[in-house]
């Protein structure tokens, strides 16, 4: 009787220990598949792009072309402003020269008048 009871006890322990138990979280984690949209391309394979071609592609993009146009506009505006400033500076220099010449003429006229007064 002791042998039968101990055999039943060991048999039930083995059945419960060896039974397959599944956790709900573990099965859900295995079903997740990763989908990547990029493929590794060797530099010598058929899908590889050289540096020069990639540069040409970037240069032909609308964003790049728009930035080039904008840079040209800014440069033109700067050139116009510089030209206007140069014209204004030239005009100021000419006015200053005219004033200096007028002052010289007045001084020379005054000195000649003063010399004439002294000689009389």
PDB file of N, CA and C in Angstrom:
ATOM      1  N   UNK A   1       0.808  -1.172   0.000  1.00  0.00           N
ATOM      2  CA  UNK A   1       0.000   0.000   0.000  1.00  0.00           C
ATOM      3  C   UNK A   1       0.864   1.253   0.000  1.00  0.00           C
ATOM      4  N   UNK A   2       1.930   1.180   0.771  1.00  0.00           N
ATOM      5  CA  UNK A   2       2.822   2.328   0.793  1.00  0.00           C
ATOM      6  C   UNK A   2       3.436   2.532  -0.577  1.00  0.00           C
ATOM      7  N   UNK A   3       3.755   1.482  -1.244  1.00  0.00           N
ATOM      8  CA  UNK A   3       4.371   1.574  -2.568  1.00  0.00           C
ATOM      9  C   UNK A   3       3.390   2.158  -3.589  1.00  0.00           C
ATOM     10  N   UNK A   4       2.150   1.788  -3.494  1.00  0.00           N
ATOM     11  CA  UNK A   4       1.151   2.278  -4.441  1.00  0.00           C
ATOM     12  C   UNK A   4       0.915   3.763  -4.190  1.00  0.00           C
ATOM     13  N   UNK A   5       0.780   4.162  -2.945  1.00  0.00           N
ATOM     14  CA  UNK A   5       0.548   5.572  -2.637  1.00  0.00           C
ATOM     15  C   UNK A   5       1.764   6.430  -3.046  1.00  0.00           C
ATOM     16  N   UNK A   6       2.939   5.962  -2.792  1.00  0.00           N
ATOM     17  CA  UNK A   6       4.139   6.719  -3.162  1.00  0.00           C
ATOM     18  C   UNK A   6       4.285   6.770  -4.683  1.00  0.00           C
ATOM     19  N   UNK A   7       3.906   5.692  -5.391  1.00  0.00           N
ATOM     20  CA  UNK A   7       3.974   5.672  -6.849  1.00  0.00           C
ATOM     21  C   UNK A   7       2.963   6.662  -7.435  1.00  0.00           C
ATOM     22  N   UNK A   8       1.747   6.712  -6.881  1.00  0.00           N
ATOM     23  CA  UNK A   8       0.733   7.654  -7.355  1.00  0.00           C
ATOM     24  C   UNK A   8       1.190   9.089  -7.089  1.00  0.00           C
ATOM     25  N   UNK A   9       1.759   9.322  -5.925  1.00  0.00           N
ATOM     26  CA  UNK A   9       2.236  10.651  -5.575  1.00  0.00           C
ATOM     27  C   UNK A   9       3.353  11.110  -6.535  1.00  0.00           C
ATOM     28  N   UNK A  10       4.294  10.254  -6.819  1.00  0.00           N
ATOM     29  CA  UNK A  10       5.393  10.583  -7.735  1.00  0.00           C
ATOM     30  C   UNK A  10       4.854  10.758  -9.152  1.00  0.00           C
ATOM     31  N   UNK A  11       3.898   9.936  -9.544  1.00  0.00           N
ATOM     32  CA  UNK A  11       3.317  10.033 -10.875  1.00  0.00           C
ATOM     33  C   UNK A  11       2.587  11.364 -11.066  1.00  0.00           C
ATOM     34  N   UNK A  12       1.840  11.818 -10.092  1.00  0.00           N
ATOM     35  CA  UNK A  12       1.117  13.102 -10.187  1.00  0.00           C
ATOM     36  C   UNK A  12       2.101  14.283 -10.213  1.00  0.00           C
ATOM     37  N   UNK A  13       3.161  14.189  -9.451  1.00  0.00           N
ATOM     38  CA  UNK A  13       4.173  15.256  -9.467  1.00  0.00           C
ATOM     39  C   UNK A  13       4.827  15.336 -10.841  1.00  0.00           C
ATOM     40  N   UNK A  14       5.148  14.195 -11.430  1.00  0.00           N
ATOM     41  CA  UNK A  14       5.751  14.178 -12.756  1.00  0.00           C
ATOM     42  C   UNK A  14       4.796  14.718 -13.812  1.00  0.00           C
ATOM     43  N   UNK A  15       3.538  14.383 -13.722  1.00  0.00           N
ATOM     44  CA  UNK A  15       2.554  14.878 -14.693  1.00  0.00           C
ATOM     45  C   UNK A  15       2.409  16.399 -14.607  1.00  0.00           C
ATOM     46  N   UNK A  16       2.355  16.935 -13.404  1.00  0.00           N
ATOM     47  CA  UNK A  16       2.187  18.385 -13.253  1.00  0.00           C
ATOM     48  C   UNK A  16       3.471  19.129 -13.613  1.00  0.00           C
ATOM     49  N   UNK A  17       4.614  18.566 -13.321  1.00  0.00           N
ATOM     50  CA  UNK A  17       5.876  19.241 -13.606  1.00  0.00           C
ATOM     51  C   UNK A  17       6.202  19.202 -15.096  1.00  0.00           C
ATOM     52  N   UNK A  18       5.862  18.135 -15.758  1.00  0.00           N
ATOM     53  CA  UNK A  18       6.212  17.981 -17.164  1.00  0.00           C
ATOM     54  C   UNK A  18       5.128  18.459 -18.118  1.00  0.00           C
ATOM     55  N   UNK A  19       4.008  18.906 -17.618  1.00  0.00           N
ATOM     56  CA  UNK A  19       2.956  19.370 -18.510  1.00  0.00           C
ATOM     57  C   UNK A  19       3.379  20.701 -19.143  1.00  0.00           C
ATOM     58  N   UNK A  20       2.951  20.927 -20.375  1.00  0.00           N
ATOM     59  CA  UNK A  20       3.332  22.125 -21.115  1.00  0.00           C
ATOM     60  C   UNK A  20       2.466  23.295 -20.663  1.00  0.00           C
ATOM     61  N   UNK A  21       3.147  24.335 -20.125  1.00  0.00           N
ATOM     62  CA  UNK A  21       2.428  25.529 -19.673  1.00  0.00           C
ATOM     63  C   UNK A  21       2.779  26.686 -20.611  1.00  0.00           C
ATOM     64  N   UNK A  22       1.774  27.422 -21.073  1.00  0.00           N
ATOM     65  CA  UNK A  22       1.988  28.550 -21.975  1.00  0.00           C
ATOM     66  C   UNK A  22       1.546  29.831 -21.291  1.00  0.00           C
ATOM     67  N   UNK A  23       2.370  30.804 -21.409  1.00  0.00           N
ATOM     68  CA  UNK A  23       1.979  32.118 -20.897  1.00  0.00           C
ATOM     69  C   UNK A  23       1.451  32.938 -22.076  1.00  0.00           C
ATOM     70  N   UNK A  24       0.419  33.736 -21.878  1.00  0.00           N
ATOM     71  CA  UNK A  24      -0.171  34.461 -23.009  1.00  0.00           C
ATOM     72  C   UNK A  24       0.777  35.520 -23.589  1.00  0.00           C
ATOM     73  N   UNK A  25       1.647  36.116 -22.766  1.00  0.00           N
ATOM     74  CA  UNK A  25       2.551  37.151 -23.257  1.00  0.00           C
ATOM     75  C   UNK A  25       3.665  36.597 -24.120  1.00  0.00           C
ATOM     76  N   UNK A  26       4.114  35.429 -23.829  1.00  0.00           N
ATOM     77  CA  UNK A  26       5.232  34.840 -24.557  1.00  0.00           C
ATOM     78  C   UNK A  26       4.854  34.521 -26.006  1.00  0.00           C
ATOM     79  N   UNK A  27       3.671  33.998 -26.221  1.00  0.00           N
ATOM     80  CA  UNK A  27       3.233  33.655 -27.569  1.00  0.00           C
ATOM     81  C   UNK A  27       3.031  34.928 -28.401  1.00  0.00           C
ATOM     82  N   UNK A  28       2.556  35.981 -27.788  1.00  0.00           N
ATOM     83  CA  UNK A  28       2.329  37.229 -28.520  1.00  0.00           C
ATOM     84  C   UNK A  28       3.653  37.863 -28.940  1.00  0.00           C
ATOM     85  N   UNK A  29       4.691  37.729 -28.158  1.00  0.00           N
ATOM     86  CA  UNK A  29       5.985  38.314 -28.491  1.00  0.00           C
ATOM     87  C   UNK A  29       6.643  37.610 -29.662  1.00  0.00           C
ATOM     88  N   UNK A  30       6.388  36.322 -29.815  1.00  0.00           N
ATOM     89  CA  UNK A  30       7.000  35.588 -30.914  1.00  0.00           C
ATOM     90  C   UNK A  30       6.365  35.926 -32.253  1.00  0.00           C
ATOM     91  N   UNK A  31       5.119  36.354 -32.262  1.00  0.00           N
ATOM     92  CA  UNK A  31       4.424  36.644 -33.503  1.00  0.00           C
ATOM     93  C   UNK A  31       4.844  37.974 -34.125  1.00  0.00           C
ATOM     94  N   UNK A  32       5.519  38.830 -33.383  1.00  0.00           N
ATOM     95  CA  UNK A  32       5.925  40.131 -33.906  1.00  0.00           C
ATOM     96  C   UNK A  32       7.038  39.937 -34.927  1.00  0.00           C
ATOM     97  N   UNK A  33       6.808  40.464 -36.110  1.00  0.00           N
ATOM     98  CA  UNK A  33       7.814  40.377 -37.161  1.00  0.00           C
ATOM     99  C   UNK A  33       8.252  41.791 -37.520  1.00  0.00           C
ATOM    100  N   UNK A  34       9.512  41.944 -37.740  1.00  0.00           N
ATOM    101  CA  UNK A  34      10.065  43.247 -38.084  1.00  0.00           C
ATOM    102  C   UNK A  34      10.176  43.344 -39.603  1.00  0.00           C
ATOM    103  N   UNK A  35       9.566  44.389 -40.145  1.00  0.00           N
ATOM    104  CA  UNK A  35       9.649  44.629 -41.583  1.00  0.00           C
ATOM    105  C   UNK A  35      10.520  45.854 -41.821  1.00  0.00           C
ATOM    106  N   UNK A  36      11.618  45.661 -42.488  1.00  0.00           N
ATOM    107  CA  UNK A  36      12.517  46.759 -42.788  1.00  0.00           C
ATOM    108  C   UNK A  36      12.345  47.161 -44.243  1.00  0.00           C
ATOM    109  N   UNK A  37      12.342  48.475 -44.478  1.00  0.00           N
ATOM    110  CA  UNK A  37      12.185  48.945 -45.842  1.00  0.00           C
ATOM    111  C   UNK A  37      13.524  49.237 -46.508  1.00  0.00           C
ATOM    112  N   UNK A  38      14.607  49.037 -45.809  1.00  0.00           N
ATOM    113  CA  UNK A  38      15.925  49.269 -46.395  1.00  0.00           C
ATOM    114  C   UNK A  38      16.630  47.942 -46.619  1.00  0.00           C
ATOM    115  N   UNK A  39      17.419  47.928 -47.641  1.00  0.00           N
ATOM    116  CA  UNK A  39      18.183  46.732 -47.976  1.00  0.00           C
ATOM    117  C   UNK A  39      19.645  47.144 -48.049  1.00  0.00           C
ATOM    118  N   UNK A  40      20.485  46.366 -47.444  1.00  0.00           N
ATOM    119  CA  UNK A  40      21.910  46.657 -47.495  1.00  0.00           C
ATOM    120  C   UNK A  40      22.406  46.461 -48.918  1.00  0.00           C
ATOM    121  N   UNK A  41      23.094  47.485 -49.431  1.00  0.00           N
ATOM    122  CA  UNK A  41      23.584  47.420 -50.798  1.00  0.00           C
ATOM    123  C   UNK A  41      25.098  47.547 -50.759  1.00  0.00           C
ATOM    124  N   UNK A  42      25.749  46.607 -51.384  1.00  0.00           N
ATOM    125  CA  UNK A  42      27.202  46.651 -51.469  1.00  0.00           C
ATOM    126  C   UNK A  42      27.593  47.730 -52.474  1.00  0.00           C
ATOM    127  N   UNK A  43      28.725  48.375 -52.264  1.00  0.00           N
ATOM    128  CA  UNK A  43      29.133  49.459 -53.151  1.00  0.00           C
ATOM    129  C   UNK A  43      29.462  48.984 -54.552  1.00  0.00           C
ATOM    130  N   UNK A  44      29.647  47.701 -54.736  1.00  0.00           N
ATOM    131  CA  UNK A  44      29.945  47.166 -56.055  1.00  0.00           C
ATOM    132  C   UNK A  44      28.750  46.456 -56.675  1.00  0.00           C
ATOM    133  N   UNK A  45      27.621  46.444 -56.006  1.00  0.00           N
ATOM    134  CA  UNK A  45      26.463  45.735 -56.539  1.00  0.00           C
ATOM    135  C   UNK A  45      25.719  46.621 -57.527  1.00  0.00           C
ATOM    136  N   UNK A  46      24.653  46.077 -58.119  1.00  0.00           N
ATOM    137  CA  UNK A  46      23.934  46.790 -59.168  1.00  0.00           C
ATOM    138  C   UNK A  46      23.123  47.967 -58.643  1.00  0.00           C
ATOM    139  N   UNK A  47      22.712  47.963 -57.399  1.00  0.00           N
ATOM    140  CA  UNK A  47      21.889  49.050 -56.876  1.00  0.00           C
ATOM    141  C   UNK A  47      22.681  50.179 -56.250  1.00  0.00           C
ATOM    142  N   UNK A  48      24.001  50.085 -56.254  1.00  0.00           N
ATOM    143  CA  UNK A  48      24.829  51.094 -55.598  1.00  0.00           C
ATOM    144  C   UNK A  48      24.869  52.368 -56.438  1.00  0.00           C
ATOM    145  N   UNK A  49      24.968  53.524 -55.733  1.00  0.00           N
ATOM    146  CA  UNK A  49      25.015  54.825 -56.382  1.00  0.00           C
ATOM    147  C   UNK A  49      26.344  55.473 -56.037  1.00  0.00           C
ATOM    148  N   UNK A  50      27.019  56.007 -57.034  1.00  0.00           N
ATOM    149  CA  UNK A  50      28.308  56.632 -56.775  1.00  0.00           C
ATOM    150  C   UNK A  50      28.102  58.008 -56.131  1.00  0.00           C
ATOM    151  N   UNK A  51      29.159  58.549 -55.586  1.00  0.00           N
ATOM    152  CA  UNK A  51      29.090  59.836 -54.894  1.00  0.00           C
ATOM    153  C   UNK A  51      28.731  60.947 -55.868  1.00  0.00           C
ATOM    154  N   UNK A  52      29.283  60.900 -57.069  1.00  0.00           N
ATOM    155  CA  UNK A  52      29.011  61.935 -58.064  1.00  0.00           C
ATOM    156  C   UNK A  52      27.541  61.933 -58.482  1.00  0.00           C
ATOM    157  N   UNK A  53      26.991  60.756 -58.671  1.00  0.00           N
ATOM    158  CA  UNK A  53      25.589  60.661 -59.073  1.00  0.00           C
ATOM    159  C   UNK A  53      24.685  61.131 -57.943  1.00  0.00           C
ATOM    160  N   UNK A  54      25.003  60.763 -56.713  1.00  0.00           N
ATOM    161  CA  UNK A  54      24.203  61.216 -55.584  1.00  0.00           C
ATOM    162  C   UNK A  54      24.257  62.737 -55.471  1.00  0.00           C
ATOM    163  N   UNK A  55      25.409  63.330 -55.735  1.00  0.00           N
ATOM    164  CA  UNK A  55      25.557  64.791 -55.694  1.00  0.00           C
ATOM    165  C   UNK A  55      24.692  65.426 -56.780  1.00  0.00           C
ATOM    166  N   UNK A  56      24.691  64.852 -57.976  1.00  0.00           N
ATOM    167  CA  UNK A  56      23.865  65.382 -59.060  1.00  0.00           C
ATOM    168  C   UNK A  56      22.385  65.298 -58.712  1.00  0.00           C
ATOM    169  N   UNK A  57      21.991  64.217 -58.072  1.00  0.00           N
ATOM    170  CA  UNK A  57      20.591  64.058 -57.677  1.00  0.00           C
ATOM    171  C   UNK A  57      20.213  65.127 -56.666  1.00  0.00           C
ATOM    172  N   UNK A  58      21.085  65.339 -55.674  1.00  0.00           N
ATOM    173  CA  UNK A  58      20.804  66.377 -54.672  1.00  0.00           C
ATOM    174  C   UNK A  58      20.757  67.764 -55.302  1.00  0.00           C
ATOM    175  N   UNK A  59      21.633  68.021 -56.258  1.00  0.00           N
ATOM    176  CA  UNK A  59      21.691  69.335 -56.884  1.00  0.00           C
ATOM    177  C   UNK A  59      20.485  69.589 -57.770  1.00  0.00           C
ATOM    178  N   UNK A  60      19.865  68.550 -58.277  1.00  0.00           N
ATOM    179  CA  UNK A  60      18.698  68.728 -59.136  1.00  0.00           C
ATOM    180  C   UNK A  60      17.396  68.765 -58.344  1.00  0.00           C
ATOM    181  N   UNK A  61      17.472  68.604 -57.052  1.00  0.00           N
ATOM    182  CA  UNK A  61      16.251  68.612 -56.253  1.00  0.00           C
ATOM    183  C   UNK A  61      15.663  70.026 -56.202  1.00  0.00           C
ATOM    184  N   UNK A  62      14.342  70.149 -56.088  1.00  0.00           N
ATOM    185  CA  UNK A  62      13.701  71.471 -56.046  1.00  0.00           C
ATOM    186  C   UNK A  62      14.172  72.332 -54.880  1.00  0.00           C
ATOM    187  N   UNK A  63      14.419  71.737 -53.739  1.00  0.00           N
ATOM    188  CA  UNK A  63      14.877  72.521 -52.592  1.00  0.00           C
ATOM    189  C   UNK A  63      16.212  73.172 -52.896  1.00  0.00           C
ATOM    190  N   UNK A  64      17.116  72.428 -53.496  1.00  0.00           N
ATOM    191  CA  UNK A  64      18.435  72.974 -53.803  1.00  0.00           C
ATOM    192  C   UNK A  64      18.312  74.100 -54.830  1.00  0.00           C
ATOM    193  N   UNK A  65      17.505  73.881 -55.855  1.00  0.00           N
ATOM    194  CA  UNK A  65      17.338  74.895 -56.888  1.00  0.00           C
ATOM    195  C   UNK A  65      16.711  76.162 -56.309  1.00  0.00           C
ATOM    196  N   UNK A  66      15.727  76.004 -55.417  1.00  0.00           N
ATOM    197  CA  UNK A  66      15.115  77.165 -54.766  1.00  0.00           C
ATOM    198  C   UNK A  66      16.128  77.907 -53.915  1.00  0.00           C
ATOM    199  N   UNK A  67      16.974  77.173 -53.207  1.00  0.00           N
ATOM    200  CA  UNK A  67      17.971  77.838 -52.369  1.00  0.00           C
ATOM    201  C   UNK A  67      18.989  78.583 -53.221  1.00  0.00           C
ATOM    202  N   UNK A  68      19.322  78.044 -54.392  1.00  0.00           N
ATOM    203  CA  UNK A  68      20.246  78.731 -55.299  1.00  0.00           C
ATOM    204  C   UNK A  68      19.617  80.021 -55.811  1.00  0.00           C
ATOM    205  N   UNK A  69      18.348  79.967 -56.191  1.00  0.00           N
ATOM    206  CA  UNK A  69      17.648  81.169 -56.657  1.00  0.00           C
ATOM    207  C   UNK A  69      17.592  82.224 -55.562  1.00  0.00           C
ATOM    208  N   UNK A  70      17.303  81.797 -54.351  1.00  0.00           N
ATOM    209  CA  UNK A  70      17.222  82.728 -53.237  1.00  0.00           C
ATOM    210  C   UNK A  70      18.589  83.354 -52.960  1.00  0.00           C
ATOM    211  N   UNK A  71      19.629  82.566 -53.044  1.00  0.00           N
ATOM    212  CA  UNK A  71      20.986  83.093 -52.823  1.00  0.00           C
ATOM    213  C   UNK A  71      21.342  84.118 -53.905  1.00  0.00           C
ATOM    214  N   UNK A  72      20.939  83.860 -55.156  1.00  0.00           N
ATOM    215  CA  UNK A  72      21.194  84.817 -56.235  1.00  0.00           C
ATOM    216  C   UNK A  72      20.449  86.121 -55.987  1.00  0.00           C
ATOM    217  N   UNK A  73      19.205  86.028 -55.544  1.00  0.00           N
ATOM    218  CA  UNK A  73      18.431  87.234 -55.254  1.00  0.00           C
ATOM    219  C   UNK A  73      19.085  88.047 -54.148  1.00  0.00           C
ATOM    220  N   UNK A  74      19.514  87.379 -53.099  1.00  0.00           N
ATOM    221  CA  UNK A  74      20.179  88.080 -52.001  1.00  0.00           C
ATOM    222  C   UNK A  74      21.456  88.749 -52.473  1.00  0.00           C
ATOM    223  N   UNK A  75      22.208  88.078 -53.316  1.00  0.00           N
ATOM    224  CA  UNK A  75      23.445  88.640 -53.822  1.00  0.00           C
ATOM    225  C   UNK A  75      23.163  89.857 -54.706  1.00  0.00           C
ATOM    226  N   UNK A  76      22.135  89.783 -55.528  1.00  0.00           N
ATOM    227  CA  UNK A  76      21.768  90.921 -56.362  1.00  0.00           C
ATOM    228  C   UNK A  76      21.345  92.110 -55.505  1.00  0.00           C
ATOM    229  N   UNK A  77      20.572  91.855 -54.455  1.00  0.00           N
ATOM    230  CA  UNK A  77      20.152  92.934 -53.565  1.00  0.00           C
ATOM    231  C   UNK A  77      21.361  93.580 -52.889  1.00  0.00           C
ATOM    232  N   UNK A  78      22.305  92.759 -52.450  1.00  0.00           N
ATOM    233  CA  UNK A  78      23.512  93.293 -51.827  1.00  0.00           C
ATOM    234  C   UNK A  78      24.306  94.141 -52.816  1.00  0.00           C
ATOM    235  N   UNK A  79      24.400  93.670 -54.060  1.00  0.00           N
ATOM    236  CA  UNK A  79      25.115  94.441 -55.077  1.00  0.00           C
ATOM    237  C   UNK A  79      24.425  95.774 -55.342  1.00  0.00           C
ATOM    238  N   UNK A  80      23.091  95.780 -55.385  1.00  0.00           N
ATOM    239  CA  UNK A  80      22.351  97.027 -55.595  1.00  0.00           C
ATOM    240  C   UNK A  80      22.592  97.989 -54.439  1.00  0.00           C
ATOM    241  N   UNK A  81      22.546  97.472 -53.214  1.00  0.00           N
ATOM    242  CA  UNK A  81      22.789  98.323 -52.050  1.00  0.00           C
ATOM    243  C   UNK A  81      24.204  98.893 -52.072  1.00  0.00           C
ATOM    244  N   UNK A  82      25.178  98.073 -52.440  1.00  0.00           N
ATOM    245  CA  UNK A  82      26.557  98.551 -52.521  1.00  0.00           C
ATOM    246  C   UNK A  82      26.688  99.640 -53.573  1.00  0.00           C
ATOM    247  N   UNK A  83      26.038  99.446 -54.725  1.00  0.00           N
ATOM    248  CA  UNK A  83      26.096 100.446 -55.794  1.00  0.00           C
ATOM    249  C   UNK A  83      25.468 101.758 -55.336  1.00  0.00           C
ATOM    250  N   UNK A  84      24.340 101.677 -54.649  1.00  0.00           N
ATOM    251  CA  UNK A  84      23.689 102.890 -54.147  1.00  0.00           C
ATOM    252  C   UNK A  84      24.568 103.606 -53.128  1.00  0.00           C
ATOM    253  N   UNK A  85      25.190 102.831 -52.242  1.00  0.00           N
ATOM    254  CA  UNK A  85      26.079 103.439 -51.251  1.00  0.00           C
ATOM    255  C   UNK A  85      27.276 104.107 -51.919  1.00  0.00           C
ATOM    256  N   UNK A  86      27.819 103.477 -52.936  1.00  0.00           N
ATOM    257  CA  UNK A  86      28.934 104.075 -53.663  1.00  0.00           C
ATOM    258  C   UNK A  86      28.519 105.376 -54.336  1.00  0.00           C
ATOM    259  N   UNK A  87      27.330 105.394 -54.941  1.00  0.00           N
ATOM    260  CA  UNK A  87      26.837 106.625 -55.578  1.00  0.00           C
ATOM    261  C   UNK A  87      26.670 107.730 -54.547  1.00  0.00           C
ATOM    262  N   UNK A  88      26.096 107.382 -53.394  1.00  0.00           N
ATOM    263  CA  UNK A  88      25.909 108.383 -52.350  1.00  0.00           C
ATOM    264  C   UNK A  88      27.253 108.899 -51.844  1.00  0.00           C
ATOM    265  N   UNK A  89      28.200 107.996 -51.667  1.00  0.00           N
ATOM    266  CA  UNK A  89      29.530 108.407 -51.201  1.00  0.00           C
ATOM    267  C   UNK A  89      30.211 109.319 -52.221  1.00  0.00           C
ATOM    268  N   UNK A  90      30.087 108.996 -53.499  1.00  0.00           N
ATOM    269  CA  UNK A  90      30.674 109.832 -54.549  1.00  0.00           C
ATOM    270  C   UNK A  90      30.023 111.214 -54.554  1.00  0.00           C
ATOM    271  N   UNK A  91      28.695 111.234 -54.406  1.00  0.00           N
ATOM    272  CA  UNK A  91      27.987 112.518 -54.390  1.00  0.00           C
ATOM    273  C   UNK A  91      28.437 113.349 -53.187  1.00  0.00           C
ATOM    274  N   UNK A  92      28.585 112.742 -52.041  1.00  0.00           N
ATOM    275  CA  UNK A  92      29.045 113.453 -50.849  1.00  0.00           C
ATOM    276  C   UNK A  92      30.463 113.978 -51.038  1.00  0.00           C
ATOM    277  N   UNK A  93      31.338 113.163 -51.636  1.00  0.00           N
ATOM    278  CA  UNK A  93      32.714 113.588 -51.868  1.00  0.00           C
ATOM    279  C   UNK A  93      32.760 114.769 -52.837  1.00  0.00           C
ATOM    280  N   UNK A  94      31.913 114.704 -53.869  1.00  0.00           N
ATOM    281  CA  UNK A  94      31.870 115.817 -54.825  1.00  0.00           C
ATOM    282  C   UNK A  94      31.378 117.093 -54.144  1.00  0.00           C
ATOM    283  N   UNK A  95      30.366 116.984 -53.296  1.00  0.00           N
ATOM    284  CA  UNK A  95      29.870 118.152 -52.569  1.00  0.00           C
ATOM    285  C   UNK A  95      30.949 118.719 -51.650  1.00  0.00           C
ATOM    286  N   UNK A  96      31.664 117.834 -50.978  1.00  0.00           N
ATOM    287  CA  UNK A  96      32.734 118.283 -50.095  1.00  0.00           C
ATOM    288  C   UNK A  96      33.843 118.975 -50.889  1.00  0.00           C
ATOM    289  N   UNK A  97      34.165 118.433 -52.068  1.00  0.00           N
ATOM    290  CA  UNK A  97      35.182 119.061 -52.920  1.00  0.00           C
ATOM    291  C   UNK A  97      34.725 120.450 -53.361  1.00  0.00           C
ATOM    292  N   UNK A  98      33.444 120.536 -53.742  1.00  0.00           N
ATOM    293  CA  UNK A  98      32.915 121.835 -54.171  1.00  0.00           C
ATOM    294  C   UNK A  98      32.949 122.836 -53.031  1.00  0.00           C
ATOM    295  N   UNK A  99      32.576 122.395 -51.833  1.00  0.00           N
ATOM    296  CA  UNK A  99      32.626 123.281 -50.667  1.00  0.00           C
ATOM    297  C   UNK A  99      34.054 123.708 -50.370  1.00  0.00           C
ATOM    298  N   UNK A 100      34.977 122.751 -50.459  1.00  0.00           N
ATOM    299  CA  UNK A 100      36.387 123.078 -50.195  1.00  0.00           C
ATOM    300  C   UNK A 100      36.906 124.073 -51.226  1.00  0.00           C
ATOM    301  N   UNK A 101      36.551 123.886 -52.488  1.00  0.00           N
ATOM    302  CA  UNK A 101      36.972 124.813 -53.540  1.00  0.00           C
ATOM    303  C   UNK A 101      36.364 126.192 -53.318  1.00  0.00           C
ATOM    304  N   UNK A 102      35.072 126.210 -52.937  1.00  0.00           N
ATOM    305  CA  UNK A 102      34.416 127.500 -52.678  1.00  0.00           C
ATOM    306  C   UNK A 102      35.092 128.214 -51.505  1.00  0.00           C
ATOM    307  N   UNK A 103      35.449 127.470 -50.473  1.00  0.00           N
ATOM    308  CA  UNK A 103      36.130 128.066 -49.324  1.00  0.00           C
ATOM    309  C   UNK A 103      37.508 128.588 -49.727  1.00  0.00           C
ATOM    310  N   UNK A 104      38.218 127.861 -50.558  1.00  0.00           N
ATOM    311  CA  UNK A 104      39.526 128.303 -51.030  1.00  0.00           C
ATOM    312  C   UNK A 104      39.391 129.584 -51.834  1.00  0.00           C
ATOM    313  N   UNK A 105      38.369 129.616 -52.685  1.00  0.00           N
ATOM    314  CA  UNK A 105      38.149 130.831 -53.499  1.00  0.00           C
ATOM    315  C   UNK A 105      37.835 132.023 -52.600  1.00  0.00           C
ATOM    316  N   UNK A 106      36.992 131.767 -51.570  1.00  0.00           N
ATOM    317  CA  UNK A 106      36.661 132.862 -50.652  1.00  0.00           C
ATOM    318  C   UNK A 106      37.904 133.324 -49.902  1.00  0.00           C
ATOM    319  N   UNK A 107      38.710 132.396 -49.432  1.00  0.00           N
ATOM    320  CA  UNK A 107      39.930 132.746 -48.707  1.00  0.00           C
ATOM    321  C   UNK A 107      40.906 133.489 -49.614  1.00  0.00           C
ATOM    322  N   UNK A 108      41.030 132.994 -50.852  1.00  0.00           N
ATOM    323  CA  UNK A 108      41.947 133.673 -51.778  1.00  0.00           C
ATOM    324  C   UNK A 108      41.422 135.066 -52.110  1.00  0.00           C
ATOM    325  N   UNK A 109      40.103 135.188 -52.237  1.00  0.00           N
ATOM    326  CA  UNK A 109      39.519 136.509 -52.513  1.00  0.00           C
ATOM    327  C   UNK A 109      39.739 137.428 -51.314  1.00  0.00           C
ATOM    328  N   UNK A 110      39.558 136.893 -50.115  1.00  0.00           N
ATOM    329  CA  UNK A 110      39.765 137.696 -48.909  1.00  0.00           C
ATOM    330  C   UNK A 110      41.237 138.091 -48.763  1.00  0.00           C
ATOM    331  N   UNK A 111      42.123 137.182 -49.026  1.00  0.00           N
ATOM    332  CA  UNK A 111      43.555 137.495 -48.881  1.00  0.00           C
ATOM    333  C   UNK A 111      43.984 138.495 -49.958  1.00  0.00           C
ATOM    334  N   UNK A 112      43.461 138.342 -51.174  1.00  0.00           N
ATOM    335  CA  UNK A 112      43.807 139.303 -52.221  1.00  0.00           C
ATOM    336  C   UNK A 112      43.234 140.690 -51.898  1.00  0.00           C
ATOM    337  N   UNK A 113      42.027 140.705 -51.325  1.00  0.00           N
ATOM    338  CA  UNK A 113      41.428 141.985 -50.918  1.00  0.00           C
ATOM    339  C   UNK A 113      42.219 142.602 -49.782  1.00  0.00           C
ATOM    340  N   UNK A 114      42.672 141.777 -48.867  1.00  0.00           N
ATOM    341  CA  UNK A 114      43.465 142.276 -47.744  1.00  0.00           C
ATOM    342  C   UNK A 114      44.807 142.783 -48.233  1.00  0.00           C
ATOM    343  N   UNK A 115      45.409 142.138 -49.213  1.00  0.00           N
ATOM    344  CA  UNK A 115      46.682 142.574 -49.762  1.00  0.00           C
ATOM    345  C   UNK A 115      46.518 143.889 -50.506  1.00  0.00           C
ATOM    346  N   UNK A 116      45.406 144.038 -51.198  1.00  0.00           N
ATOM    347  CA  UNK A 116      45.149 145.281 -51.916  1.00  0.00           C
ATOM    348  C   UNK A 116      44.978 146.450 -50.937  1.00  0.00           C
ATOM    349  N   UNK A 117      44.325 146.156 -49.822  1.00  0.00           N
ATOM    350  CA  UNK A 117      44.121 147.185 -48.809  1.00  0.00           C
ATOM    351  C   UNK A 117      45.474 147.579 -48.215  1.00  0.00           C
ATOM    352  N   UNK A 118      46.329 146.645 -47.974  1.00  0.00           N
ATOM    353  CA  UNK A 118      47.643 146.894 -47.399  1.00  0.00           C
ATOM    354  C   UNK A 118      48.518 147.695 -48.369  1.00  0.00           C
ATOM    355  N   UNK A 119      48.416 147.416 -49.623  1.00  0.00           N
ATOM    356  CA  UNK A 119      49.233 148.102 -50.600  1.00  0.00           C
ATOM    357  C   UNK A 119      48.756 149.545 -50.828  1.00  0.00           C
ATOM    358  N   UNK A 120      47.606 149.856 -50.530  1.00  0.00           N
ATOM    359  CA  UNK A 120      47.101 151.202 -50.752  1.00  0.00           C
ATOM    360  C   UNK A 120      47.476 152.053 -49.629  1.00  0.00           C
TER     361      UNK A 120
END
